[in-house]
N, C-alpha and C. Protein backbone atom coordinates (compact mmCIF):
# COMPACT_ATOMS: atom_id res chain seq x y z
N MET A 1 165.10 82.14 99.32
CA MET A 1 166.26 83.02 99.32
C MET A 1 165.78 84.45 99.56
N LEU A 2 166.62 85.23 100.25
CA LEU A 2 166.24 86.62 100.51
C LEU A 2 167.44 87.54 100.38
N ASN A 3 167.13 88.77 100.03
CA ASN A 3 168.13 89.83 99.93
C ASN A 3 167.59 91.05 100.64
N SER A 4 168.41 91.63 101.53
CA SER A 4 168.00 92.84 102.25
C SER A 4 168.77 94.05 101.73
N PHE A 5 168.09 95.19 101.73
CA PHE A 5 168.64 96.44 101.24
C PHE A 5 168.30 97.54 102.23
N LYS A 6 169.22 98.46 102.42
CA LYS A 6 168.98 99.62 103.29
C LYS A 6 168.10 100.63 102.56
N PHE A 7 167.22 101.31 103.30
CA PHE A 7 166.49 102.44 102.75
C PHE A 7 167.51 103.53 102.39
N THR A 8 167.16 104.35 101.43
CA THR A 8 168.01 105.45 101.00
C THR A 8 167.37 106.76 101.43
N ASP A 9 168.13 107.59 102.13
CA ASP A 9 167.63 108.90 102.54
C ASP A 9 167.76 109.87 101.37
N GLU A 10 166.63 110.45 100.97
CA GLU A 10 166.62 111.43 99.88
C GLU A 10 166.10 112.76 100.41
N PRO A 11 166.70 113.85 99.93
CA PRO A 11 166.24 115.17 100.39
C PRO A 11 164.91 115.58 99.76
N THR A 12 164.10 116.26 100.54
CA THR A 12 162.90 116.92 100.04
C THR A 12 163.22 118.41 100.00
N LEU A 13 163.02 119.02 98.84
CA LEU A 13 163.38 120.42 98.67
C LEU A 13 162.16 121.33 98.82
N ASP A 14 162.42 122.58 99.19
CA ASP A 14 161.33 123.57 99.27
C ASP A 14 160.86 123.90 97.85
N SER A 15 159.86 124.76 97.74
CA SER A 15 159.25 125.07 96.44
C SER A 15 160.23 125.74 95.47
N THR A 16 161.28 126.35 95.98
CA THR A 16 162.27 126.98 95.10
C THR A 16 163.32 125.95 94.63
N LYS A 17 163.26 124.78 95.24
CA LYS A 17 164.20 123.67 94.94
C LYS A 17 165.64 124.03 95.27
N LYS A 18 165.80 124.93 96.25
CA LYS A 18 167.14 125.36 96.64
C LYS A 18 167.50 124.97 98.07
N LYS A 19 166.48 124.67 98.87
CA LYS A 19 166.75 124.39 100.27
C LYS A 19 166.13 123.04 100.68
N VAL A 20 166.94 122.22 101.34
CA VAL A 20 166.46 120.94 101.85
C VAL A 20 165.63 121.20 103.10
N ILE A 21 164.38 120.70 103.09
CA ILE A 21 163.54 120.90 104.27
C ILE A 21 163.44 119.65 105.15
N ARG A 22 163.77 118.48 104.55
CA ARG A 22 163.81 117.23 105.34
C ARG A 22 164.35 116.12 104.45
N PHE A 23 164.64 115.00 105.09
CA PHE A 23 165.05 113.80 104.36
C PHE A 23 163.98 112.73 104.55
N VAL A 24 163.76 111.96 103.50
CA VAL A 24 162.76 110.88 103.53
C VAL A 24 163.46 109.58 103.17
N SER A 25 163.24 108.55 103.99
CA SER A 25 163.80 107.22 103.71
C SER A 25 162.93 106.52 102.69
N ARG A 26 163.56 106.04 101.61
CA ARG A 26 162.80 105.40 100.54
C ARG A 26 163.38 104.02 100.21
N ALA A 27 162.49 103.14 99.77
CA ALA A 27 162.89 101.81 99.33
C ALA A 27 163.30 101.90 97.87
N LEU A 28 164.59 102.17 97.65
CA LEU A 28 165.13 102.31 96.31
C LEU A 28 165.99 101.09 95.98
N ILE A 29 165.89 100.65 94.75
CA ILE A 29 166.67 99.49 94.31
C ILE A 29 167.18 99.76 92.90
N ARG A 30 168.32 99.18 92.59
CA ARG A 30 168.92 99.37 91.27
C ARG A 30 168.64 98.13 90.41
N ILE A 31 168.21 98.40 89.19
CA ILE A 31 167.93 97.33 88.24
C ILE A 31 168.57 97.68 86.90
N LYS A 32 168.58 96.72 86.01
CA LYS A 32 168.88 96.96 84.61
C LYS A 32 167.72 96.39 83.80
N LEU A 33 167.40 97.06 82.71
CA LEU A 33 166.36 96.60 81.80
C LEU A 33 167.02 95.95 80.59
N GLU A 34 166.34 94.95 80.05
CA GLU A 34 166.80 94.31 78.82
C GLU A 34 165.63 94.18 77.86
N TYR A 35 165.90 94.49 76.58
CA TYR A 35 164.86 94.40 75.55
C TYR A 35 165.55 94.06 74.23
N GLY A 36 165.06 93.01 73.58
CA GLY A 36 165.59 92.64 72.28
C GLY A 36 167.09 92.39 72.29
N GLY A 37 167.61 91.86 73.39
CA GLY A 37 169.04 91.59 73.52
C GLY A 37 169.86 92.79 73.94
N ASN A 38 169.23 93.96 74.07
CA ASN A 38 169.93 95.17 74.53
C ASN A 38 169.74 95.33 76.03
N LEU A 39 170.85 95.47 76.74
CA LEU A 39 170.82 95.67 78.19
C LEU A 39 171.13 97.13 78.48
N SER A 40 170.36 97.75 79.39
CA SER A 40 170.60 99.15 79.72
C SER A 40 172.06 99.31 80.17
N PRO A 41 172.73 100.33 79.67
CA PRO A 41 174.15 100.49 79.97
C PRO A 41 174.43 100.87 81.42
N TYR A 42 173.46 101.48 82.07
CA TYR A 42 173.63 101.93 83.45
C TYR A 42 172.50 101.39 84.30
N PRO A 43 172.77 101.15 85.58
CA PRO A 43 171.68 100.75 86.48
C PRO A 43 170.66 101.88 86.62
N ILE A 44 169.43 101.49 86.82
CA ILE A 44 168.33 102.43 87.00
C ILE A 44 167.91 102.34 88.47
N THR A 45 167.92 103.46 89.16
CA THR A 45 167.46 103.48 90.55
C THR A 45 165.95 103.67 90.54
N CYS A 46 165.24 102.68 91.10
CA CYS A 46 163.77 102.66 91.09
C CYS A 46 163.21 102.70 92.50
N LEU A 47 162.03 103.26 92.62
CA LEU A 47 161.30 103.25 93.88
C LEU A 47 160.39 102.04 93.92
N ILE A 48 160.53 101.23 94.95
CA ILE A 48 159.59 100.12 95.16
C ILE A 48 158.37 100.73 95.83
N ASP A 49 157.25 100.75 95.12
CA ASP A 49 156.09 101.54 95.51
C ASP A 49 154.87 100.65 95.72
N SER A 50 154.54 100.37 96.98
CA SER A 50 153.39 99.51 97.28
C SER A 50 152.07 100.19 96.92
N GLY A 51 152.09 101.49 96.67
CA GLY A 51 150.88 102.21 96.28
C GLY A 51 150.70 102.27 94.77
N CYS A 52 151.68 101.77 94.03
CA CYS A 52 151.60 101.79 92.57
C CYS A 52 151.13 100.41 92.10
N ASP A 53 150.13 100.39 91.25
CA ASP A 53 149.59 99.12 90.78
C ASP A 53 150.51 98.42 89.78
N PHE A 54 151.18 99.20 88.94
CA PHE A 54 151.99 98.64 87.85
C PHE A 54 153.36 99.29 87.81
N ASN A 55 154.25 98.76 86.98
CA ASN A 55 155.57 99.36 86.78
C ASN A 55 155.44 100.53 85.81
N LEU A 56 155.92 101.70 86.21
CA LEU A 56 155.80 102.91 85.39
C LEU A 56 157.15 103.61 85.35
N PHE A 57 157.69 103.79 84.13
CA PHE A 57 159.03 104.32 83.94
C PHE A 57 159.02 105.53 83.01
N PRO A 58 160.05 106.36 83.13
CA PRO A 58 160.22 107.45 82.16
C PRO A 58 160.48 106.88 80.76
N ALA A 59 159.99 107.57 79.76
CA ALA A 59 160.14 107.13 78.38
C ALA A 59 161.60 107.03 77.96
N SER A 60 162.46 107.83 78.55
CA SER A 60 163.87 107.85 78.15
C SER A 60 164.53 106.49 78.30
N TRP A 61 164.11 105.69 79.28
CA TRP A 61 164.70 104.36 79.46
C TRP A 61 164.29 103.43 78.34
N ALA A 62 163.08 103.55 77.85
CA ALA A 62 162.64 102.73 76.71
C ALA A 62 163.44 103.10 75.47
N LYS A 63 163.57 104.40 75.25
CA LYS A 63 164.28 104.88 74.07
C LYS A 63 165.73 104.41 74.07
N SER A 64 166.36 104.36 75.25
CA SER A 64 167.77 103.95 75.33
C SER A 64 167.95 102.49 74.94
N LEU A 65 166.86 101.71 74.99
CA LEU A 65 166.92 100.29 74.61
C LEU A 65 166.42 100.05 73.19
N GLY A 66 166.06 101.13 72.49
CA GLY A 66 165.57 100.99 71.13
C GLY A 66 164.09 100.67 71.03
N ILE A 67 163.37 100.84 72.11
CA ILE A 67 161.92 100.59 72.10
C ILE A 67 161.22 101.79 71.47
N ILE A 68 160.35 101.53 70.51
CA ILE A 68 159.50 102.58 69.94
C ILE A 68 158.26 102.62 70.83
N ILE A 69 158.20 103.62 71.67
CA ILE A 69 157.20 103.68 72.74
C ILE A 69 155.78 103.54 72.21
N GLU A 70 155.44 104.30 71.18
CA GLU A 70 154.07 104.32 70.69
C GLU A 70 153.62 103.00 70.06
N ASP A 71 154.55 102.07 69.84
CA ASP A 71 154.19 100.73 69.35
C ASP A 71 153.57 99.87 70.44
N GLY A 72 153.69 100.32 71.69
CA GLY A 72 153.13 99.56 72.80
C GLY A 72 151.64 99.81 72.96
N THR A 73 151.04 99.11 73.89
CA THR A 73 149.62 99.26 74.19
C THR A 73 149.43 100.51 75.05
N PRO A 74 148.59 101.48 74.60
CA PRO A 74 148.39 102.68 75.41
C PRO A 74 147.58 102.40 76.68
N VAL A 75 147.99 103.04 77.75
CA VAL A 75 147.34 102.90 79.06
C VAL A 75 147.21 104.29 79.65
N LYS A 76 146.06 104.60 80.24
CA LYS A 76 145.86 105.90 80.89
C LYS A 76 146.01 105.73 82.40
N TYR A 77 146.83 106.56 83.00
CA TYR A 77 147.02 106.59 84.45
C TYR A 77 146.37 107.85 84.99
N ILE A 78 145.70 107.72 86.14
CA ILE A 78 145.17 108.88 86.84
C ILE A 78 145.78 108.85 88.24
N GLY A 79 146.47 109.94 88.60
CA GLY A 79 147.22 109.95 89.85
C GLY A 79 146.70 110.97 90.84
N ILE A 80 147.60 111.42 91.67
CA ILE A 80 147.29 112.38 92.72
C ILE A 80 146.71 113.65 92.10
N GLY A 81 145.65 114.16 92.68
CA GLY A 81 145.03 115.37 92.18
C GLY A 81 144.33 115.18 90.86
N LYS A 82 144.01 113.94 90.54
CA LYS A 82 143.31 113.59 89.29
C LYS A 82 144.14 113.92 88.04
N SER A 83 145.46 114.14 88.23
CA SER A 83 146.30 114.37 87.05
C SER A 83 146.39 113.05 86.28
N ASP A 84 146.56 113.17 84.97
CA ASP A 84 146.62 111.94 84.19
C ASP A 84 147.80 111.96 83.23
N LEU A 85 148.17 110.78 82.78
CA LEU A 85 149.22 110.65 81.79
C LEU A 85 148.93 109.40 80.96
N ILE A 86 149.48 109.40 79.76
CA ILE A 86 149.37 108.24 78.88
C ILE A 86 150.72 107.54 78.88
N ALA A 87 150.68 106.23 79.04
CA ALA A 87 151.88 105.40 79.00
C ALA A 87 151.66 104.32 77.97
N TYR A 88 152.75 103.66 77.59
CA TYR A 88 152.69 102.59 76.60
C TYR A 88 153.37 101.36 77.17
N SER A 89 152.66 100.23 77.16
CA SER A 89 153.13 98.99 77.76
C SER A 89 154.03 98.20 76.81
N HIS A 90 155.13 97.70 77.39
CA HIS A 90 156.06 96.83 76.67
C HIS A 90 156.55 95.77 77.64
N PHE A 91 156.86 94.59 77.12
CA PHE A 91 157.44 93.54 77.95
C PHE A 91 158.96 93.65 77.86
N VAL A 92 159.60 93.75 79.03
CA VAL A 92 161.05 93.84 79.13
C VAL A 92 161.52 92.89 80.22
N LYS A 93 162.80 92.63 80.22
CA LYS A 93 163.38 91.80 81.28
C LYS A 93 164.01 92.73 82.31
N ILE A 94 163.73 92.46 83.57
CA ILE A 94 164.31 93.21 84.68
C ILE A 94 165.36 92.35 85.35
N HIS A 95 166.55 92.92 85.55
CA HIS A 95 167.64 92.28 86.29
C HIS A 95 167.81 93.07 87.58
N VAL A 96 167.56 92.44 88.72
CA VAL A 96 167.67 93.11 90.02
C VAL A 96 169.13 93.04 90.47
N GLU A 97 169.76 94.21 90.63
CA GLU A 97 171.17 94.25 91.04
C GLU A 97 171.36 93.64 92.42
N ASP A 98 172.54 93.09 92.61
CA ASP A 98 172.94 92.46 93.88
C ASP A 98 172.12 91.22 94.21
N THR A 99 171.44 90.67 93.20
CA THR A 99 170.73 89.39 93.34
C THR A 99 170.97 88.62 92.05
N ASN A 100 170.55 87.36 92.05
CA ASN A 100 170.58 86.59 90.81
C ASN A 100 169.18 86.54 90.19
N MET A 101 168.34 87.49 90.55
CA MET A 101 166.95 87.51 90.13
C MET A 101 166.78 88.31 88.85
N SER A 102 166.10 87.70 87.87
CA SER A 102 165.69 88.42 86.67
C SER A 102 164.40 87.78 86.17
N PHE A 103 163.57 88.59 85.53
CA PHE A 103 162.28 88.12 85.04
C PHE A 103 161.76 89.07 83.97
N THR A 104 160.93 88.53 83.11
CA THR A 104 160.29 89.34 82.07
C THR A 104 158.94 89.80 82.59
N THR A 105 158.68 91.09 82.44
CA THR A 105 157.44 91.66 82.96
C THR A 105 157.03 92.85 82.11
N LYS A 106 155.83 93.31 82.36
CA LYS A 106 155.31 94.47 81.65
C LYS A 106 155.74 95.75 82.35
N VAL A 107 156.23 96.71 81.55
CA VAL A 107 156.57 98.03 82.06
C VAL A 107 155.87 99.05 81.18
N ASP A 108 155.23 100.03 81.81
CA ASP A 108 154.58 101.13 81.09
C ASP A 108 155.55 102.30 81.08
N PHE A 109 155.74 102.90 79.89
CA PHE A 109 156.66 104.02 79.71
C PHE A 109 155.88 105.26 79.33
N SER A 110 156.24 106.39 79.94
CA SER A 110 155.55 107.65 79.65
C SER A 110 156.52 108.82 79.60
N GLU A 111 156.25 109.74 78.69
CA GLU A 111 157.04 110.97 78.59
C GLU A 111 156.85 111.84 79.84
N LYS A 112 155.71 111.72 80.50
CA LYS A 112 155.42 112.56 81.67
C LYS A 112 155.94 111.99 82.98
N GLN A 113 156.36 110.74 82.99
CA GLN A 113 156.83 110.11 84.22
C GLN A 113 158.30 110.45 84.45
N GLN A 114 158.64 110.79 85.70
CA GLN A 114 160.03 111.13 86.01
C GLN A 114 160.74 110.09 86.86
N THR A 115 160.02 109.46 87.78
CA THR A 115 160.62 108.49 88.68
C THR A 115 160.25 107.08 88.25
N PRO A 116 161.22 106.18 88.08
CA PRO A 116 160.89 104.79 87.77
C PRO A 116 160.24 104.13 89.00
N LEU A 117 159.03 103.61 88.81
CA LEU A 117 158.27 102.99 89.89
C LEU A 117 158.09 101.50 89.63
N LEU A 118 158.36 100.69 90.64
CA LEU A 118 158.12 99.25 90.57
C LEU A 118 156.88 98.97 91.41
N GLY A 119 155.84 98.45 90.76
CA GLY A 119 154.55 98.30 91.41
C GLY A 119 154.19 96.87 91.78
N ARG A 120 152.97 96.75 92.29
CA ARG A 120 152.50 95.48 92.83
C ARG A 120 152.35 94.41 91.75
N SER A 121 151.76 94.76 90.62
CA SER A 121 151.64 93.80 89.53
C SER A 121 152.81 94.03 88.59
N GLY A 122 153.68 93.06 88.48
CA GLY A 122 154.82 93.19 87.59
C GLY A 122 156.15 93.30 88.32
N PHE A 123 156.11 93.58 89.63
CA PHE A 123 157.33 93.52 90.44
C PHE A 123 157.05 92.74 91.72
N PHE A 124 156.18 93.24 92.58
CA PHE A 124 155.84 92.54 93.83
C PHE A 124 155.42 91.10 93.54
N SER A 125 154.71 90.91 92.43
CA SER A 125 154.15 89.60 92.11
C SER A 125 155.22 88.54 91.82
N TYR A 126 156.47 88.93 91.64
CA TYR A 126 157.55 87.98 91.39
C TYR A 126 158.25 87.51 92.66
N PHE A 127 157.82 88.00 93.81
CA PHE A 127 158.44 87.65 95.08
C PHE A 127 157.43 86.99 96.00
N LYS A 128 157.92 86.12 96.88
CA LYS A 128 157.04 85.52 97.89
C LYS A 128 156.58 86.60 98.86
N LYS A 129 157.53 87.48 99.23
CA LYS A 129 157.23 88.57 100.15
C LYS A 129 158.18 89.73 99.85
N ILE A 130 157.70 90.92 100.14
CA ILE A 130 158.56 92.10 100.22
C ILE A 130 158.27 92.71 101.59
N ILE A 131 159.30 92.76 102.42
CA ILE A 131 159.12 93.20 103.81
C ILE A 131 159.75 94.58 103.98
N PHE A 132 158.94 95.54 104.43
CA PHE A 132 159.43 96.87 104.75
C PHE A 132 159.65 96.92 106.26
N ASP A 133 160.89 97.06 106.68
CA ASP A 133 161.26 97.03 108.09
C ASP A 133 161.71 98.43 108.51
N GLU A 134 160.75 99.23 108.95
CA GLU A 134 161.03 100.62 109.32
C GLU A 134 161.99 100.71 110.51
N GLU A 135 161.84 99.80 111.45
CA GLU A 135 162.68 99.84 112.66
C GLU A 135 164.16 99.70 112.32
N ASN A 136 164.47 98.84 111.35
CA ASN A 136 165.87 98.60 110.98
C ASN A 136 166.27 99.33 109.70
N ASN A 137 165.38 100.20 109.21
CA ASN A 137 165.67 101.04 108.05
C ASN A 137 166.10 100.21 106.83
N GLN A 138 165.32 99.13 106.57
CA GLN A 138 165.65 98.29 105.43
C GLN A 138 164.40 97.61 104.86
N PHE A 139 164.57 97.05 103.68
CA PHE A 139 163.52 96.22 103.09
C PHE A 139 164.16 94.95 102.58
N THR A 140 163.35 93.90 102.52
CA THR A 140 163.85 92.59 102.13
C THR A 140 162.99 92.01 101.03
N LEU A 141 163.64 91.48 100.01
CA LEU A 141 162.96 90.77 98.93
C LEU A 141 163.14 89.27 99.20
N VAL A 142 162.02 88.57 99.29
CA VAL A 142 162.05 87.13 99.55
C VAL A 142 161.57 86.43 98.30
N PHE A 143 162.42 85.57 97.72
CA PHE A 143 162.04 84.83 96.52
C PHE A 143 162.48 83.39 96.59
C-alpha cells in the first residue's frame, strides 16, 4: 500500500525575519502522538528528514501528553556547527494522518528542538520505501 503527499512550500526569511528571500519545498507530514492513552489534541506537522538519524521533537509535545521528559533516557545530539542538545527518549505511538498507519516508536524530546523531525531509525524503518519525487513535487510512503 502507498500514500503520496505533495511537498509543502515554506518561506525562508532574511536575518531580520521580516522579509521572505525564497521558498523551499519540504517533505512535511501531519501526525498525532499517543502516550499512555492520551492522544495529541492537534496534528503535528513534521519534517521527514533523511539526514536525521532518529525522531527528534520539541519538548512541548511530550508535555502536552503528560510525559515527564527527564524520566526518559538522556541522549546527546551534536548537529550543524557542532552545536549540541540533550534530549530524552520515550516510546510513543505515531498515527500518520491520511493513512491507516500507526506504530509505536522511540521519540527523543528536547527543550532546544523547535522542528519535529522524523528520522531514519524510528520512522523510515517502518516503511518498505520512502520515495522523494522532486520532478512531481511529492513524496510517497510505501508500506
